[in-house]
């Protein structure tokens, strides 16, 4: 799944927020506003099942680090790999 984080997402995003960061807002634009993304630097959960997640790509990790530390990152685009299911 291709995720594009735009300047608009960056402007509207909330720092230190797993649910309202720019990446979460971009995911909502792809999957619909009713999806429930929770973005972390290690994994991204979408939906209610905590055993299903995406591994956070390195580009997104760098973006999160800059954004959460008060910086203004550039817009990015990355691919989320399919769900990983924990046994």
PDB file of N, CA and C in Angstrom:
ATOM      1  N   UNK A   1       0.850  -1.164   0.000  1.00  0.00           N
ATOM      2  CA  UNK A   1       0.000   0.000   0.000  1.00  0.00           C
ATOM      3  C   UNK A   1       0.903   1.237   0.000  1.00  0.00           C
ATOM      4  N   UNK A   2       0.653   2.135  -0.928  1.00  0.00           N
ATOM      5  CA  UNK A   2       1.457   3.343  -1.046  1.00  0.00           C
ATOM      6  C   UNK A   2       0.849   4.447  -0.171  1.00  0.00           C
ATOM      7  N   UNK A   3       1.704   5.052   0.673  1.00  0.00           N
ATOM      8  CA  UNK A   3       1.291   6.135   1.557  1.00  0.00           C
ATOM      9  C   UNK A   3       2.049   7.394   1.151  1.00  0.00           C
ATOM     10  N   UNK A   4       1.316   8.477   0.927  1.00  0.00           N
ATOM     11  CA  UNK A   4       1.921   9.757   0.582  1.00  0.00           C
ATOM     12  C   UNK A   4       1.579  10.753   1.687  1.00  0.00           C
ATOM     13  N   UNK A   5       2.601  11.207   2.381  1.00  0.00           N
ATOM     14  CA  UNK A   5       2.433  12.202   3.436  1.00  0.00           C
ATOM     15  C   UNK A   5       2.715  13.570   2.816  1.00  0.00           C
ATOM     16  N   UNK A   6       1.686  14.405   2.744  1.00  0.00           N
ATOM     17  CA  UNK A   6       1.788  15.711   2.099  1.00  0.00           C
ATOM     18  C   UNK A   6       2.090  16.811   3.115  1.00  0.00           C
ATOM     19  N   UNK A   7       2.356  17.992   2.592  1.00  0.00           N
ATOM     20  CA  UNK A   7       2.563  19.148   3.473  1.00  0.00           C
ATOM     21  C   UNK A   7       1.309  19.432   4.289  1.00  0.00           C
ATOM     22  N   UNK A   8       0.153  19.208   3.709  1.00  0.00           N
ATOM     23  CA  UNK A   8      -1.103  19.398   4.441  1.00  0.00           C
ATOM     24  C   UNK A   8      -1.183  18.463   5.647  1.00  0.00           C
ATOM     25  N   UNK A   9      -0.774  17.196   5.469  1.00  0.00           N
ATOM     26  CA  UNK A   9      -0.757  16.259   6.600  1.00  0.00           C
ATOM     27  C   UNK A   9       0.199  16.753   7.683  1.00  0.00           C
ATOM     28  N   UNK A  10       1.361  17.234   7.256  1.00  0.00           N
ATOM     29  CA  UNK A  10       2.357  17.735   8.209  1.00  0.00           C
ATOM     30  C   UNK A  10       1.793  18.927   8.979  1.00  0.00           C
ATOM     31  N   UNK A  11       1.140  19.838   8.276  1.00  0.00           N
ATOM     32  CA  UNK A  11       0.581  21.032   8.920  1.00  0.00           C
ATOM     33  C   UNK A  11      -0.522  20.682   9.917  1.00  0.00           C
ATOM     34  N   UNK A  12      -1.322  19.655   9.610  1.00  0.00           N
ATOM     35  CA  UNK A  12      -2.449  19.274  10.469  1.00  0.00           C
ATOM     36  C   UNK A  12      -2.052  18.277  11.562  1.00  0.00           C
ATOM     37  N   UNK A  13      -0.905  17.615  11.413  1.00  0.00           N
ATOM     38  CA  UNK A  13      -0.504  16.559  12.334  1.00  0.00           C
ATOM     39  C   UNK A  13      -0.182  17.062  13.728  1.00  0.00           C
ATOM     40  N   UNK A  14      -0.337  16.169  14.689  1.00  0.00           N
ATOM     41  CA  UNK A  14      -0.028  16.476  16.090  1.00  0.00           C
ATOM     42  C   UNK A  14       1.210  15.702  16.511  1.00  0.00           C
ATOM     43  N   UNK A  15       2.147  16.408  17.099  1.00  0.00           N
ATOM     44  CA  UNK A  15       3.387  15.771  17.565  1.00  0.00           C
ATOM     45  C   UNK A  15       3.100  14.805  18.721  1.00  0.00           C
ATOM     46  N   UNK A  16       3.886  13.756  18.783  1.00  0.00           N
ATOM     47  CA  UNK A  16       3.767  12.746  19.844  1.00  0.00           C
ATOM     48  C   UNK A  16       2.394  12.091  19.884  1.00  0.00           C
ATOM     49  N   UNK A  17       1.683  12.064  18.771  1.00  0.00           N
ATOM     50  CA  UNK A  17       0.358  11.438  18.720  1.00  0.00           C
ATOM     51  C   UNK A  17       0.386  10.252  17.768  1.00  0.00           C
ATOM     52  N   UNK A  18       0.085   9.091  18.276  1.00  0.00           N
ATOM     53  CA  UNK A  18       0.069   7.883  17.452  1.00  0.00           C
ATOM     54  C   UNK A  18      -1.111   7.884  16.476  1.00  0.00           C
ATOM     55  N   UNK A  19      -2.192   8.572  16.838  1.00  0.00           N
ATOM     56  CA  UNK A  19      -3.423   8.526  16.038  1.00  0.00           C
ATOM     57  C   UNK A  19      -3.629   9.740  15.135  1.00  0.00           C
ATOM     58  N   UNK A  20      -2.939  10.841  15.413  1.00  0.00           N
ATOM     59  CA  UNK A  20      -3.162  12.068  14.649  1.00  0.00           C
ATOM     60  C   UNK A  20      -1.868  12.670  14.110  1.00  0.00           C
ATOM     61  N   UNK A  21      -0.823  11.848  14.008  1.00  0.00           N
ATOM     62  CA  UNK A  21       0.416  12.317  13.389  1.00  0.00           C
ATOM     63  C   UNK A  21       0.194  12.405  11.868  1.00  0.00           C
ATOM     64  N   UNK A  22       1.086  13.069  11.144  1.00  0.00           N
ATOM     65  CA  UNK A  22       0.905  13.188   9.696  1.00  0.00           C
ATOM     66  C   UNK A  22       0.780  11.839   8.977  1.00  0.00           C
ATOM     67  N   UNK A  23       1.503  10.833   9.436  1.00  0.00           N
ATOM     68  CA  UNK A  23       1.427   9.519   8.790  1.00  0.00           C
ATOM     69  C   UNK A  23       0.051   8.897   9.011  1.00  0.00           C
ATOM     70  N   UNK A  24      -0.482   9.006  10.217  1.00  0.00           N
ATOM     71  CA  UNK A  24      -1.832   8.487  10.492  1.00  0.00           C
ATOM     72  C   UNK A  24      -2.870   9.199   9.624  1.00  0.00           C
ATOM     73  N   UNK A  25      -2.723  10.514   9.464  1.00  0.00           N
ATOM     74  CA  UNK A  25      -3.651  11.270   8.625  1.00  0.00           C
ATOM     75  C   UNK A  25      -3.565  10.825   7.167  1.00  0.00           C
ATOM     76  N   UNK A  26      -2.347  10.545   6.700  1.00  0.00           N
ATOM     77  CA  UNK A  26      -2.169  10.068   5.319  1.00  0.00           C
ATOM     78  C   UNK A  26      -2.786   8.685   5.132  1.00  0.00           C
ATOM     79  N   UNK A  27      -2.638   7.817   6.127  1.00  0.00           N
ATOM     80  CA  UNK A  27      -3.240   6.480   6.055  1.00  0.00           C
ATOM     81  C   UNK A  27      -4.759   6.595   5.990  1.00  0.00           C
ATOM     82  N   UNK A  28      -5.328   7.504   6.768  1.00  0.00           N
ATOM     83  CA  UNK A  28      -6.783   7.716   6.730  1.00  0.00           C
ATOM     84  C   UNK A  28      -7.234   8.182   5.347  1.00  0.00           C
ATOM     85  N   UNK A  29      -6.404   8.975   4.676  1.00  0.00           N
ATOM     86  CA  UNK A  29      -6.760   9.407   3.321  1.00  0.00           C
ATOM     87  C   UNK A  29      -6.799   8.234   2.351  1.00  0.00           C
ATOM     88  N   UNK A  30      -5.970   7.228   2.585  1.00  0.00           N
ATOM     89  CA  UNK A  30      -5.937   6.051   1.707  1.00  0.00           C
ATOM     90  C   UNK A  30      -7.059   5.072   2.056  1.00  0.00           C
ATOM     91  N   UNK A  31      -7.235   4.795   3.332  1.00  0.00           N
ATOM     92  CA  UNK A  31      -8.158   3.741   3.761  1.00  0.00           C
ATOM     93  C   UNK A  31      -9.532   4.246   4.185  1.00  0.00           C
ATOM     94  N   UNK A  32      -9.692   5.537   4.323  1.00  0.00           N
ATOM     95  CA  UNK A  32     -10.959   6.096   4.770  1.00  0.00           C
ATOM     96  C   UNK A  32     -10.864   6.612   6.193  1.00  0.00           C
ATOM     97  N   UNK A  33     -11.666   7.598   6.472  1.00  0.00           N
ATOM     98  CA  UNK A  33     -11.602   8.264   7.771  1.00  0.00           C
ATOM     99  C   UNK A  33     -12.038   7.377   8.937  1.00  0.00           C
ATOM    100  N   UNK A  34     -12.703   6.262   8.659  1.00  0.00           N
ATOM    101  CA  UNK A  34     -13.147   5.376   9.736  1.00  0.00           C
ATOM    102  C   UNK A  34     -12.101   4.364  10.159  1.00  0.00           C
ATOM    103  N   UNK A  35     -10.979   4.302   9.443  1.00  0.00           N
ATOM    104  CA  UNK A  35      -9.931   3.376   9.868  1.00  0.00           C
ATOM    105  C   UNK A  35      -9.276   3.942  11.125  1.00  0.00           C
ATOM    106  N   UNK A  36      -8.573   3.127  11.837  1.00  0.00           N
ATOM    107  CA  UNK A  36      -8.032   3.518  13.139  1.00  0.00           C
ATOM    108  C   UNK A  36      -6.524   3.277  13.186  1.00  0.00           C
ATOM    109  N   UNK A  37      -5.708   4.073  12.451  1.00  0.00           N
ATOM    110  CA  UNK A  37      -4.267   3.829  12.471  1.00  0.00           C
ATOM    111  C   UNK A  37      -3.630   4.328  13.765  1.00  0.00           C
ATOM    112  N   UNK A  38      -2.660   3.564  14.235  1.00  0.00           N
ATOM    113  CA  UNK A  38      -1.843   3.939  15.380  1.00  0.00           C
ATOM    114  C   UNK A  38      -0.396   3.742  14.943  1.00  0.00           C
ATOM    115  N   UNK A  39       0.322   4.852  14.829  1.00  0.00           N
ATOM    116  CA  UNK A  39       1.643   4.851  14.221  1.00  0.00           C
ATOM    117  C   UNK A  39       2.720   4.928  15.298  1.00  0.00           C
ATOM    118  N   UNK A  40       3.657   3.997  15.231  1.00  0.00           N
ATOM    119  CA  UNK A  40       4.810   4.014  16.116  1.00  0.00           C
ATOM    120  C   UNK A  40       6.080   3.879  15.312  1.00  0.00           C
ATOM    121  N   UNK A  41       7.208   4.063  15.965  1.00  0.00           N
ATOM    122  CA  UNK A  41       8.459   3.988  15.226  1.00  0.00           C
ATOM    123  C   UNK A  41       8.871   2.559  14.889  1.00  0.00           C
ATOM    124  N   UNK A  42       8.214   1.576  15.480  1.00  0.00           N
ATOM    125  CA  UNK A  42       8.514   0.182  15.156  1.00  0.00           C
ATOM    126  C   UNK A  42       7.430  -0.468  14.297  1.00  0.00           C
ATOM    127  N   UNK A  43       6.169  -0.127  14.566  1.00  0.00           N
ATOM    128  CA  UNK A  43       5.090  -0.734  13.802  1.00  0.00           C
ATOM    129  C   UNK A  43       3.891   0.203  13.705  1.00  0.00           C
ATOM    130  N   UNK A  44       3.040  -0.100  12.733  1.00  0.00           N
ATOM    131  CA  UNK A  44       1.827   0.662  12.486  1.00  0.00           C
ATOM    132  C   UNK A  44       0.659  -0.308  12.567  1.00  0.00           C
ATOM    133  N   UNK A  45      -0.245  -0.044  13.507  1.00  0.00           N
ATOM    134  CA  UNK A  45      -1.447  -0.864  13.657  1.00  0.00           C
ATOM    135  C   UNK A  45      -2.595  -0.180  12.931  1.00  0.00           C
ATOM    136  N   UNK A  46      -3.368  -0.957  12.211  1.00  0.00           N
ATOM    137  CA  UNK A  46      -4.559  -0.434  11.544  1.00  0.00           C
ATOM    138  C   UNK A  46      -5.689  -1.400  11.847  1.00  0.00           C
ATOM    139  N   UNK A  47      -6.711  -0.938  12.510  1.00  0.00           N
ATOM    140  CA  UNK A  47      -7.818  -1.805  12.866  1.00  0.00           C
ATOM    141  C   UNK A  47      -7.761  -2.219  14.314  1.00  0.00           C
ATOM    142  N   UNK A  48      -8.618  -3.121  14.662  1.00  0.00           N
ATOM    143  CA  UNK A  48      -8.791  -3.507  16.065  1.00  0.00           C
ATOM    144  C   UNK A  48      -7.914  -4.674  16.516  1.00  0.00           C
ATOM    145  N   UNK A  49      -7.419  -5.467  15.583  1.00  0.00           N
ATOM    146  CA  UNK A  49      -6.653  -6.656  15.946  1.00  0.00           C
ATOM    147  C   UNK A  49      -5.196  -6.282  16.218  1.00  0.00           C
ATOM    148  N   UNK A  50      -4.762  -6.306  17.505  1.00  0.00           N
ATOM    149  CA  UNK A  50      -3.380  -5.923  17.812  1.00  0.00           C
ATOM    150  C   UNK A  50      -2.338  -6.917  17.300  1.00  0.00           C
ATOM    151  N   UNK A  51      -2.795  -8.066  16.799  1.00  0.00           N
ATOM    152  CA  UNK A  51      -1.856  -9.044  16.259  1.00  0.00           C
ATOM    153  C   UNK A  51      -1.568  -8.796  14.785  1.00  0.00           C
ATOM    154  N   UNK A  52      -2.254  -7.829  14.185  1.00  0.00           N
ATOM    155  CA  UNK A  52      -2.010  -7.490  12.781  1.00  0.00           C
ATOM    156  C   UNK A  52      -1.389  -6.104  12.713  1.00  0.00           C
ATOM    157  N   UNK A  53      -0.253  -6.020  12.029  1.00  0.00           N
ATOM    158  CA  UNK A  53       0.415  -4.731  11.945  1.00  0.00           C
ATOM    159  C   UNK A  53       1.321  -4.670  10.724  1.00  0.00           C
ATOM    160  N   UNK A  54       1.768  -3.468  10.417  1.00  0.00           N
ATOM    161  CA  UNK A  54       2.785  -3.232   9.399  1.00  0.00           C
ATOM    162  C   UNK A  54       4.061  -2.823  10.105  1.00  0.00           C
ATOM    163  N   UNK A  55       5.189  -3.275   9.613  1.00  0.00           N
ATOM    164  CA  UNK A  55       6.469  -2.810  10.133  1.00  0.00           C
ATOM    165  C   UNK A  55       6.694  -1.403   9.591  1.00  0.00           C
ATOM    166  N   UNK A  56       7.053  -0.466  10.465  1.00  0.00           N
ATOM    167  CA  UNK A  56       7.265   0.912  10.047  1.00  0.00           C
ATOM    168  C   UNK A  56       8.509   0.996   9.157  1.00  0.00           C
ATOM    169  N   UNK A  57       8.368   1.474   7.913  1.00  0.00           N
ATOM    170  CA  UNK A  57       9.512   1.585   7.007  1.00  0.00           C
ATOM    171  C   UNK A  57      10.531   2.612   7.527  1.00  0.00           C
ATOM    172  N   UNK A  58      11.774   2.463   7.111  1.00  0.00           N
ATOM    173  CA  UNK A  58      12.827   3.353   7.602  1.00  0.00           C
ATOM    174  C   UNK A  58      12.547   4.813   7.268  1.00  0.00           C
ATOM    175  N   UNK A  59      11.943   5.086   6.119  1.00  0.00           N
ATOM    176  CA  UNK A  59      11.638   6.472   5.758  1.00  0.00           C
ATOM    177  C   UNK A  59      10.649   7.077   6.755  1.00  0.00           C
ATOM    178  N   UNK A  60       9.677   6.285   7.154  1.00  0.00           N
ATOM    179  CA  UNK A  60       8.676   6.741   8.113  1.00  0.00           C
ATOM    180  C   UNK A  60       9.304   6.924   9.497  1.00  0.00           C
ATOM    181  N   UNK A  61      10.222   6.042   9.881  1.00  0.00           N
ATOM    182  CA  UNK A  61      10.912   6.180  11.169  1.00  0.00           C
ATOM    183  C   UNK A  61      11.675   7.497  11.232  1.00  0.00           C
ATOM    184  N   UNK A  62      12.397   7.816  10.158  1.00  0.00           N
ATOM    185  CA  UNK A  62      13.149   9.075  10.110  1.00  0.00           C
ATOM    186  C   UNK A  62      12.197  10.266  10.186  1.00  0.00           C
ATOM    187  N   UNK A  63      11.094  10.191   9.466  1.00  0.00           N
ATOM    188  CA  UNK A  63      10.086  11.246   9.472  1.00  0.00           C
ATOM    189  C   UNK A  63       9.548  11.458  10.890  1.00  0.00           C
ATOM    190  N   UNK A  64       9.169  10.372  11.558  1.00  0.00           N
ATOM    191  CA  UNK A  64       8.626  10.444  12.913  1.00  0.00           C
ATOM    192  C   UNK A  64       9.632  11.095  13.860  1.00  0.00           C
ATOM    193  N   UNK A  65      10.880  10.702  13.753  1.00  0.00           N
ATOM    194  CA  UNK A  65      11.930  11.244  14.619  1.00  0.00           C
ATOM    195  C   UNK A  65      12.045  12.756  14.460  1.00  0.00           C
ATOM    196  N   UNK A  66      12.061  13.224  13.235  1.00  0.00           N
ATOM    197  CA  UNK A  66      12.164  14.665  12.976  1.00  0.00           C
ATOM    198  C   UNK A  66      10.920  15.384  13.475  1.00  0.00           C
ATOM    199  N   UNK A  67       9.753  14.872  13.120  1.00  0.00           N
ATOM    200  CA  UNK A  67       8.494  15.532  13.470  1.00  0.00           C
ATOM    201  C   UNK A  67       8.287  15.594  14.981  1.00  0.00           C
ATOM    202  N   UNK A  68       8.472  14.464  15.669  1.00  0.00           N
ATOM    203  CA  UNK A  68       8.218  14.422  17.105  1.00  0.00           C
ATOM    204  C   UNK A  68       9.232  15.215  17.920  1.00  0.00           C
ATOM    205  N   UNK A  69      10.407  15.471  17.350  1.00  0.00           N
ATOM    206  CA  UNK A  69      11.408  16.262  18.080  1.00  0.00           C
ATOM    207  C   UNK A  69      11.269  17.764  17.803  1.00  0.00           C
ATOM    208  N   UNK A  70      10.225  18.156  17.088  1.00  0.00           N
ATOM    209  CA  UNK A  70       9.964  19.568  16.855  1.00  0.00           C
ATOM    210  C   UNK A  70      10.401  20.081  15.501  1.00  0.00           C
ATOM    211  N   UNK A  71      11.012  19.233  14.699  1.00  0.00           N
ATOM    212  CA  UNK A  71      11.437  19.637  13.371  1.00  0.00           C
ATOM    213  C   UNK A  71      10.287  19.621  12.380  1.00  0.00           C
ATOM    214  N   UNK A  72      10.575  20.120  11.202  1.00  0.00           N
ATOM    215  CA  UNK A  72       9.578  20.110  10.129  1.00  0.00           C
ATOM    216  C   UNK A  72      10.127  19.240   8.994  1.00  0.00           C
ATOM    217  N   UNK A  73       9.667  17.990   8.922  1.00  0.00           N
ATOM    218  CA  UNK A  73      10.163  17.084   7.877  1.00  0.00           C
ATOM    219  C   UNK A  73       9.571  17.436   6.519  1.00  0.00           C
ATOM    220  N   UNK A  74      10.229  16.978   5.491  1.00  0.00           N
ATOM    221  CA  UNK A  74       9.708  17.113   4.132  1.00  0.00           C
ATOM    222  C   UNK A  74       8.622  16.069   3.905  1.00  0.00           C
ATOM    223  N   UNK A  75       7.689  16.339   2.998  1.00  0.00           N
ATOM    224  CA  UNK A  75       6.714  15.310   2.621  1.00  0.00           C
ATOM    225  C   UNK A  75       7.443  14.046   2.151  1.00  0.00           C
ATOM    226  N   UNK A  76       6.830  12.904   2.384  1.00  0.00           N
ATOM    227  CA  UNK A  76       7.435  11.625   1.989  1.00  0.00           C
ATOM    228  C   UNK A  76       6.388  10.720   1.357  1.00  0.00           C
ATOM    229  N   UNK A  77       6.911   9.684   0.727  1.00  0.00           N
ATOM    230  CA  UNK A  77       6.084   8.645   0.127  1.00  0.00           C
ATOM    231  C   UNK A  77       6.778   7.320   0.432  1.00  0.00           C
ATOM    232  N   UNK A  78       6.002   6.321   0.846  1.00  0.00           N
ATOM    233  CA  UNK A  78       6.588   5.021   1.145  1.00  0.00           C
ATOM    234  C   UNK A  78       5.537   3.936   0.961  1.00  0.00           C
ATOM    235  N   UNK A  79       6.004   2.713   0.912  1.00  0.00           N
ATOM    236  CA  UNK A  79       5.130   1.537   0.794  1.00  0.00           C
ATOM    237  C   UNK A  79       5.019   0.854   2.146  1.00  0.00           C
ATOM    238  N   UNK A  80       3.798   0.500   2.509  1.00  0.00           N
ATOM    239  CA  UNK A  80       3.597  -0.353   3.677  1.00  0.00           C
ATOM    240  C   UNK A  80       3.490  -1.783   3.183  1.00  0.00           C
ATOM    241  N   UNK A  81       4.302  -2.633   3.764  1.00  0.00           N
ATOM    242  CA  UNK A  81       4.275  -4.047   3.404  1.00  0.00           C
ATOM    243  C   UNK A  81       3.031  -4.693   4.012  1.00  0.00           C
ATOM    244  N   UNK A  82       2.603  -5.834   3.476  1.00  0.00           N
ATOM    245  CA  UNK A  82       1.394  -6.500   3.997  1.00  0.00           C
ATOM    246  C   UNK A  82       1.484  -6.802   5.493  1.00  0.00           C
ATOM    247  N   UNK A  83       0.315  -7.023   6.074  1.00  0.00           N
ATOM    248  CA  UNK A  83       0.231  -7.334   7.496  1.00  0.00           C
ATOM    249  C   UNK A  83       1.160  -8.468   7.872  1.00  0.00           C
ATOM    250  N   UNK A  84       1.675  -8.375   9.083  1.00  0.00           N
ATOM    251  CA  UNK A  84       2.392  -9.478   9.712  1.00  0.00           C
ATOM    252  C   UNK A  84       1.467  -9.978  10.810  1.00  0.00           C
ATOM    253  N   UNK A  85       1.294 -11.275  10.895  1.00  0.00           N
ATOM    254  CA  UNK A  85       0.430 -11.809  11.949  1.00  0.00           C
ATOM    255  C   UNK A  85       1.305 -12.493  12.985  1.00  0.00           C
ATOM    256  N   UNK A  86       1.102 -12.058  14.233  1.00  0.00           N
ATOM    257  CA  UNK A  86       1.836 -12.654  15.353  1.00  0.00           C
ATOM    258  C   UNK A  86       1.050 -13.877  15.810  1.00  0.00           C
ATOM    259  N   UNK A  87       1.754 -14.971  16.016  1.00  0.00           N
ATOM    260  CA  UNK A  87       1.075 -16.205  16.446  1.00  0.00           C
ATOM    261  C   UNK A  87       0.569 -16.111  17.849  1.00  0.00           C
TER     262      UNK A  87
END
